[in-house]
N, C-alpha and C. Protein backbone atom coordinates (compact mmCIF):
# COMPACT_ATOMS: atom_id res chain seq x y z
N VAL A 1 0.83 -1.19 0.00
CA VAL A 1 0.00 0.00 0.00
C VAL A 1 0.88 1.25 0.00
N THR A 2 1.93 1.23 0.78
CA THR A 2 2.80 2.40 0.88
C THR A 2 3.39 2.76 -0.47
N LEU A 3 3.86 1.76 -1.20
CA LEU A 3 4.45 2.01 -2.52
C LEU A 3 3.41 2.57 -3.49
N LEU A 4 2.21 1.98 -3.50
CA LEU A 4 1.15 2.49 -4.38
C LEU A 4 0.79 3.92 -4.01
N SER A 5 0.69 4.19 -2.73
CA SER A 5 0.36 5.54 -2.28
C SER A 5 1.42 6.54 -2.71
N LEU A 6 2.68 6.19 -2.51
CA LEU A 6 3.78 7.07 -2.88
C LEU A 6 3.79 7.35 -4.38
N ILE A 7 3.72 6.29 -5.17
CA ILE A 7 3.82 6.46 -6.62
C ILE A 7 2.63 7.21 -7.19
N THR A 8 1.42 6.84 -6.76
CA THR A 8 0.24 7.52 -7.30
C THR A 8 0.17 8.97 -6.83
N SER A 9 0.67 9.27 -5.62
CA SER A 9 0.73 10.66 -5.16
C SER A 9 1.70 11.46 -6.02
N TYR A 10 2.83 10.85 -6.32
CA TYR A 10 3.82 11.52 -7.19
C TYR A 10 3.21 11.76 -8.58
N GLN A 11 2.50 10.76 -9.09
CA GLN A 11 1.85 10.92 -10.40
C GLN A 11 0.80 12.03 -10.38
N LEU A 12 0.11 12.16 -9.26
CA LEU A 12 -0.90 13.21 -9.13
C LEU A 12 -0.25 14.59 -9.24
N GLN A 13 0.92 14.75 -8.62
CA GLN A 13 1.61 16.04 -8.66
C GLN A 13 2.41 16.25 -9.95
N HIS A 14 2.78 15.15 -10.61
CA HIS A 14 3.60 15.23 -11.83
C HIS A 14 2.98 14.34 -12.91
N PRO A 15 1.88 14.77 -13.53
CA PRO A 15 1.20 13.93 -14.51
C PRO A 15 2.06 13.54 -15.71
N GLU A 16 3.13 14.28 -15.94
CA GLU A 16 3.99 13.98 -17.09
C GLU A 16 4.80 12.69 -16.90
N VAL A 17 4.84 12.13 -15.70
CA VAL A 17 5.64 10.92 -15.49
C VAL A 17 5.05 9.69 -16.15
N GLY A 18 3.78 9.71 -16.46
CA GLY A 18 3.19 8.60 -17.20
C GLY A 18 2.58 7.51 -16.35
N LYS A 19 2.65 6.31 -16.87
CA LYS A 19 1.95 5.17 -16.31
C LYS A 19 2.77 4.40 -15.29
N LEU A 20 2.06 3.73 -14.42
CA LEU A 20 2.67 2.78 -13.50
C LEU A 20 2.29 1.39 -13.99
N VAL A 21 3.28 0.57 -14.23
CA VAL A 21 3.05 -0.82 -14.61
C VAL A 21 3.52 -1.66 -13.44
N TYR A 22 2.58 -2.35 -12.82
CA TYR A 22 2.85 -3.13 -11.62
C TYR A 22 2.66 -4.59 -11.98
N CYS A 23 3.69 -5.38 -11.92
CA CYS A 23 3.63 -6.79 -12.31
C CYS A 23 3.65 -7.68 -11.08
N THR A 24 2.84 -8.72 -11.13
CA THR A 24 2.84 -9.72 -10.06
C THR A 24 2.99 -11.09 -10.69
N ARG A 25 3.31 -12.06 -9.86
CA ARG A 25 3.50 -13.41 -10.35
C ARG A 25 2.21 -14.22 -10.34
N THR A 26 1.31 -13.93 -9.40
CA THR A 26 0.10 -14.73 -9.28
C THR A 26 -1.15 -13.86 -9.37
N VAL A 27 -2.26 -14.50 -9.72
CA VAL A 27 -3.54 -13.80 -9.80
C VAL A 27 -3.97 -13.27 -8.42
N PRO A 28 -3.83 -14.05 -7.33
CA PRO A 28 -4.19 -13.49 -6.02
C PRO A 28 -3.40 -12.23 -5.66
N GLU A 29 -2.12 -12.19 -6.01
CA GLU A 29 -1.33 -10.99 -5.76
C GLU A 29 -1.88 -9.81 -6.56
N MET A 30 -2.24 -10.06 -7.83
CA MET A 30 -2.80 -9.01 -8.67
C MET A 30 -4.12 -8.50 -8.08
N GLU A 31 -4.98 -9.42 -7.65
CA GLU A 31 -6.26 -9.03 -7.07
C GLU A 31 -6.07 -8.20 -5.81
N LYS A 32 -5.09 -8.55 -4.99
CA LYS A 32 -4.80 -7.81 -3.77
C LYS A 32 -4.34 -6.39 -4.08
N VAL A 33 -3.48 -6.24 -5.05
CA VAL A 33 -2.99 -4.91 -5.43
C VAL A 33 -4.14 -4.05 -5.95
N LEU A 34 -5.00 -4.63 -6.79
CA LEU A 34 -6.14 -3.86 -7.31
C LEU A 34 -7.09 -3.46 -6.19
N GLU A 35 -7.29 -4.34 -5.22
CA GLU A 35 -8.14 -4.03 -4.07
C GLU A 35 -7.52 -2.89 -3.24
N GLU A 36 -6.23 -2.95 -3.01
CA GLU A 36 -5.54 -1.91 -2.25
C GLU A 36 -5.58 -0.57 -2.99
N LEU A 37 -5.46 -0.61 -4.30
CA LEU A 37 -5.54 0.62 -5.09
C LEU A 37 -6.93 1.23 -4.98
N GLN A 38 -7.95 0.40 -5.01
CA GLN A 38 -9.32 0.89 -4.85
C GLN A 38 -9.49 1.53 -3.46
N ASN A 39 -8.96 0.88 -2.43
CA ASN A 39 -9.02 1.45 -1.08
C ASN A 39 -8.30 2.79 -1.01
N LEU A 40 -7.18 2.90 -1.69
CA LEU A 40 -6.41 4.14 -1.70
C LEU A 40 -7.21 5.27 -2.36
N VAL A 41 -7.84 4.97 -3.48
CA VAL A 41 -8.65 5.97 -4.18
C VAL A 41 -9.82 6.41 -3.30
N GLU A 42 -10.48 5.46 -2.64
CA GLU A 42 -11.60 5.79 -1.75
C GLU A 42 -11.13 6.63 -0.56
N PHE A 43 -9.96 6.30 0.00
CA PHE A 43 -9.42 7.07 1.11
C PHE A 43 -9.16 8.51 0.68
N ARG A 44 -8.52 8.69 -0.46
CA ARG A 44 -8.23 10.05 -0.93
C ARG A 44 -9.51 10.85 -1.12
N SER A 45 -10.50 10.21 -1.67
CA SER A 45 -11.77 10.89 -1.90
C SER A 45 -12.43 11.27 -0.58
N ARG A 46 -12.47 10.35 0.35
CA ARG A 46 -13.14 10.55 1.64
C ARG A 46 -12.38 11.52 2.55
N GLU A 47 -11.09 11.31 2.71
CA GLU A 47 -10.31 12.06 3.69
C GLU A 47 -9.69 13.35 3.15
N LEU A 48 -9.33 13.34 1.90
CA LEU A 48 -8.63 14.48 1.33
C LEU A 48 -9.47 15.29 0.34
N GLY A 49 -10.62 14.73 -0.03
CA GLY A 49 -11.46 15.42 -1.01
C GLY A 49 -10.86 15.44 -2.41
N VAL A 50 -9.96 14.51 -2.68
CA VAL A 50 -9.30 14.43 -3.98
C VAL A 50 -9.95 13.32 -4.80
N ASP A 51 -10.62 13.69 -5.88
CA ASP A 51 -11.26 12.72 -6.76
C ASP A 51 -10.53 12.69 -8.10
N VAL A 52 -9.47 11.93 -8.15
CA VAL A 52 -8.71 11.78 -9.38
C VAL A 52 -8.93 10.35 -9.86
N PRO A 53 -9.53 10.19 -11.04
CA PRO A 53 -9.77 8.83 -11.52
C PRO A 53 -8.46 8.12 -11.85
N ILE A 54 -8.39 6.87 -11.45
CA ILE A 54 -7.22 6.05 -11.76
C ILE A 54 -7.71 4.85 -12.56
N LEU A 55 -7.14 4.66 -13.72
CA LEU A 55 -7.47 3.50 -14.54
C LEU A 55 -6.52 2.37 -14.16
N ALA A 56 -7.09 1.27 -13.70
CA ALA A 56 -6.27 0.12 -13.31
C ALA A 56 -6.79 -1.10 -14.04
N LEU A 57 -5.88 -1.86 -14.62
CA LEU A 57 -6.23 -3.07 -15.36
C LEU A 57 -5.50 -4.25 -14.79
N GLY A 58 -6.20 -5.34 -14.61
CA GLY A 58 -5.55 -6.57 -14.20
C GLY A 58 -5.56 -7.54 -15.36
N LEU A 59 -4.41 -7.79 -15.92
CA LEU A 59 -4.31 -8.71 -17.04
C LEU A 59 -3.86 -10.06 -16.53
N SER A 60 -4.58 -11.07 -16.91
CA SER A 60 -4.32 -12.40 -16.39
C SER A 60 -3.77 -13.29 -17.49
N SER A 61 -3.71 -14.57 -17.23
CA SER A 61 -3.13 -15.53 -18.17
C SER A 61 -4.05 -15.80 -19.37
N ARG A 62 -3.50 -16.40 -20.40
CA ARG A 62 -4.30 -16.80 -21.55
C ARG A 62 -5.42 -17.73 -21.13
N LYS A 63 -5.14 -18.61 -20.20
CA LYS A 63 -6.13 -19.59 -19.74
C LYS A 63 -7.37 -18.89 -19.20
N ASN A 64 -7.20 -17.78 -18.51
CA ASN A 64 -8.32 -17.05 -17.93
C ASN A 64 -8.94 -16.04 -18.88
N MET A 65 -8.17 -15.55 -19.84
CA MET A 65 -8.63 -14.44 -20.67
C MET A 65 -8.97 -14.79 -22.11
N CYS A 66 -8.68 -16.00 -22.55
CA CYS A 66 -8.85 -16.35 -23.95
C CYS A 66 -10.31 -16.27 -24.40
N ILE A 67 -10.52 -15.71 -25.59
CA ILE A 67 -11.87 -15.63 -26.13
C ILE A 67 -12.05 -16.51 -27.36
N HIS A 68 -10.99 -17.14 -27.83
CA HIS A 68 -11.07 -18.02 -28.99
C HIS A 68 -11.71 -19.34 -28.55
N GLU A 69 -12.84 -19.70 -29.18
CA GLU A 69 -13.61 -20.86 -28.73
C GLU A 69 -12.81 -22.15 -28.69
N THR A 70 -12.06 -22.44 -29.73
CA THR A 70 -11.31 -23.69 -29.78
C THR A 70 -10.21 -23.73 -28.72
N VAL A 71 -9.51 -22.63 -28.56
CA VAL A 71 -8.43 -22.57 -27.59
C VAL A 71 -8.98 -22.62 -26.17
N ARG A 72 -10.09 -21.93 -25.95
CA ARG A 72 -10.69 -21.88 -24.62
C ARG A 72 -11.09 -23.26 -24.11
N GLU A 73 -11.40 -24.18 -25.02
CA GLU A 73 -11.82 -25.52 -24.64
C GLU A 73 -10.67 -26.40 -24.16
N GLU A 74 -9.43 -25.98 -24.38
CA GLU A 74 -8.28 -26.75 -23.93
C GLU A 74 -8.30 -26.87 -22.42
N GLY A 75 -7.78 -27.95 -21.91
CA GLY A 75 -7.84 -28.19 -20.47
C GLY A 75 -6.79 -27.50 -19.65
N SER A 76 -5.53 -27.69 -19.98
CA SER A 76 -4.45 -27.18 -19.13
C SER A 76 -3.94 -25.83 -19.62
N ARG A 77 -3.28 -25.12 -18.73
CA ARG A 77 -2.67 -23.83 -19.09
C ARG A 77 -1.65 -24.01 -20.20
N GLU A 78 -0.87 -25.10 -20.11
CA GLU A 78 0.16 -25.34 -21.10
C GLU A 78 -0.43 -25.55 -22.50
N SER A 79 -1.53 -26.31 -22.58
CA SER A 79 -2.14 -26.55 -23.89
C SER A 79 -2.79 -25.28 -24.44
N VAL A 80 -3.36 -24.45 -23.57
CA VAL A 80 -3.92 -23.17 -24.01
C VAL A 80 -2.79 -22.29 -24.54
N ASP A 81 -1.68 -22.21 -23.81
CA ASP A 81 -0.54 -21.41 -24.25
C ASP A 81 -0.02 -21.88 -25.61
N ALA A 82 0.13 -23.19 -25.76
CA ALA A 82 0.66 -23.74 -27.01
C ALA A 82 -0.27 -23.43 -28.19
N LYS A 83 -1.56 -23.66 -28.01
CA LYS A 83 -2.51 -23.41 -29.09
C LYS A 83 -2.59 -21.92 -29.43
N CYS A 84 -2.53 -21.10 -28.41
CA CYS A 84 -2.56 -19.65 -28.62
C CYS A 84 -1.34 -19.20 -29.42
N ARG A 85 -0.16 -19.70 -29.05
CA ARG A 85 1.07 -19.34 -29.78
C ARG A 85 0.98 -19.76 -31.24
N LYS A 86 0.36 -20.93 -31.49
CA LYS A 86 0.20 -21.38 -32.88
C LYS A 86 -0.62 -20.39 -33.68
N LEU A 87 -1.64 -19.81 -33.05
CA LEU A 87 -2.52 -18.88 -33.75
C LEU A 87 -1.97 -17.46 -33.82
N THR A 88 -1.11 -17.10 -32.88
CA THR A 88 -0.67 -15.71 -32.79
C THR A 88 0.81 -15.49 -33.09
N ALA A 89 1.52 -16.54 -33.42
CA ALA A 89 2.95 -16.39 -33.73
C ALA A 89 3.12 -15.40 -34.89
N SER A 90 4.20 -14.66 -34.86
CA SER A 90 4.41 -13.62 -35.87
C SER A 90 4.36 -14.18 -37.29
N TRP A 91 4.93 -15.36 -37.51
CA TRP A 91 4.92 -15.91 -38.86
C TRP A 91 3.51 -16.31 -39.29
N VAL A 92 2.65 -16.68 -38.34
CA VAL A 92 1.24 -17.00 -38.67
C VAL A 92 0.51 -15.73 -39.06
N ARG A 93 0.74 -14.64 -38.29
CA ARG A 93 0.08 -13.37 -38.62
C ARG A 93 0.58 -12.83 -39.96
N GLU A 94 1.88 -12.97 -40.24
CA GLU A 94 2.42 -12.51 -41.51
C GLU A 94 1.80 -13.27 -42.68
N LYS A 95 1.67 -14.59 -42.53
CA LYS A 95 1.08 -15.42 -43.57
C LYS A 95 -0.38 -15.03 -43.80
N ALA A 96 -1.11 -14.77 -42.71
CA ALA A 96 -2.51 -14.36 -42.83
C ALA A 96 -2.62 -13.01 -43.54
N ALA A 97 -1.72 -12.08 -43.22
CA ALA A 97 -1.73 -10.77 -43.87
C ALA A 97 -1.45 -10.90 -45.36
N GLU A 98 -0.49 -11.75 -45.72
CA GLU A 98 -0.18 -11.98 -47.13
C GLU A 98 -1.38 -12.57 -47.85
N SER A 99 -2.07 -13.51 -47.21
CA SER A 99 -3.25 -14.13 -47.81
C SER A 99 -4.35 -13.09 -48.03
N ARG A 100 -4.55 -12.20 -47.04
CA ARG A 100 -5.58 -11.15 -47.20
C ARG A 100 -5.21 -10.21 -48.32
N GLU A 101 -3.91 -9.89 -48.45
CA GLU A 101 -3.47 -9.00 -49.52
C GLU A 101 -3.73 -9.61 -50.89
N ARG A 102 -3.58 -10.93 -50.98
CA ARG A 102 -3.84 -11.62 -52.25
C ARG A 102 -5.33 -11.83 -52.48
N GLY A 103 -6.13 -11.55 -51.42
CA GLY A 103 -7.57 -11.66 -51.58
C GLY A 103 -8.17 -12.98 -51.19
N SER A 104 -7.37 -13.91 -50.64
CA SER A 104 -7.93 -15.21 -50.27
C SER A 104 -8.61 -15.15 -48.91
N GLY A 105 -8.27 -14.18 -48.07
CA GLY A 105 -8.92 -13.98 -46.78
C GLY A 105 -8.68 -15.05 -45.75
N GLY A 106 -7.83 -16.02 -45.99
CA GLY A 106 -7.63 -17.10 -45.02
C GLY A 106 -6.38 -16.90 -44.22
N GLY A 107 -6.00 -17.97 -43.54
CA GLY A 107 -4.74 -17.94 -42.83
C GLY A 107 -4.84 -18.04 -41.34
N ASN A 108 -5.95 -17.52 -40.76
CA ASN A 108 -6.05 -17.62 -39.31
C ASN A 108 -7.45 -18.04 -38.87
N GLY A 109 -8.11 -18.79 -39.70
CA GLY A 109 -9.40 -19.33 -39.31
C GLY A 109 -10.54 -18.37 -39.44
N GLY A 110 -10.44 -17.34 -40.26
CA GLY A 110 -11.55 -16.44 -40.43
C GLY A 110 -11.14 -15.05 -40.84
N GLY A 111 -9.88 -14.78 -40.96
CA GLY A 111 -9.42 -13.49 -41.44
C GLY A 111 -9.55 -12.36 -40.43
N SER A 112 -9.86 -12.65 -39.19
CA SER A 112 -9.98 -11.58 -38.21
C SER A 112 -8.60 -11.21 -37.70
N SER A 113 -8.51 -10.01 -37.16
CA SER A 113 -7.24 -9.58 -36.59
C SER A 113 -7.44 -9.26 -35.13
N SER A 114 -6.36 -9.26 -34.38
CA SER A 114 -6.45 -8.95 -32.96
C SER A 114 -5.15 -8.35 -32.50
N MET A 115 -5.21 -7.59 -31.40
CA MET A 115 -4.01 -7.07 -30.80
C MET A 115 -3.53 -8.11 -29.79
N VAL A 116 -2.26 -8.39 -29.80
CA VAL A 116 -1.70 -9.42 -28.94
C VAL A 116 -0.88 -8.75 -27.85
N ILE A 117 -1.21 -9.08 -26.61
CA ILE A 117 -0.44 -8.59 -25.48
C ILE A 117 0.14 -9.80 -24.79
N GLY A 118 1.46 -9.89 -24.74
CA GLY A 118 2.11 -11.07 -24.17
C GLY A 118 2.14 -11.01 -22.66
N ASP A 119 2.55 -12.11 -22.06
CA ASP A 119 2.70 -12.13 -20.63
C ASP A 119 4.15 -12.39 -20.27
N MET A 120 4.45 -12.30 -19.01
CA MET A 120 5.83 -12.41 -18.55
C MET A 120 6.35 -13.85 -18.61
N GLU A 121 5.46 -14.85 -18.63
CA GLU A 121 5.90 -16.24 -18.60
C GLU A 121 6.72 -16.62 -19.81
N ASP A 122 6.30 -16.16 -20.98
CA ASP A 122 7.01 -16.60 -22.19
C ASP A 122 7.76 -15.46 -22.85
N GLY A 123 8.00 -14.41 -22.12
CA GLY A 123 8.76 -13.29 -22.67
C GLY A 123 7.94 -12.39 -23.56
N GLY A 124 6.58 -12.49 -23.47
CA GLY A 124 5.73 -11.59 -24.23
C GLY A 124 5.49 -12.02 -25.64
N GLY A 125 5.59 -13.28 -25.95
CA GLY A 125 5.50 -13.73 -27.33
C GLY A 125 4.14 -13.94 -27.91
N GLY A 126 3.10 -14.08 -27.12
CA GLY A 126 1.82 -14.41 -27.72
C GLY A 126 0.67 -13.77 -27.01
N GLY A 127 -0.58 -14.18 -27.39
CA GLY A 127 -1.72 -13.50 -26.84
C GLY A 127 -2.63 -14.39 -26.18
């Protein structure tokens, strides 16, 4: 809590410093930090009269966040990760883009595109 309070207070006084990226290893740790941040915002509002909106996002693993129907049906985290990498690897996206340019529209199971945000487990390689 002390670190969050210090950093967010500094950001309040110096908006040019930008974003705080807080990484945790487990989902419970992430949930605890988000809860503490919410408590901090409520405290500032109640005690100090400071209502500064803070945008906080908790990004979890592919297993918890996947929206692809086929991948989501996989059982283990490892199989979800592997299937996701197959669909989001850079060479797969490049091949799909080339196919769309040629007008065939295939390459990734429907021609849709997505933004890929990696996680810390695999060095940020997939989505």
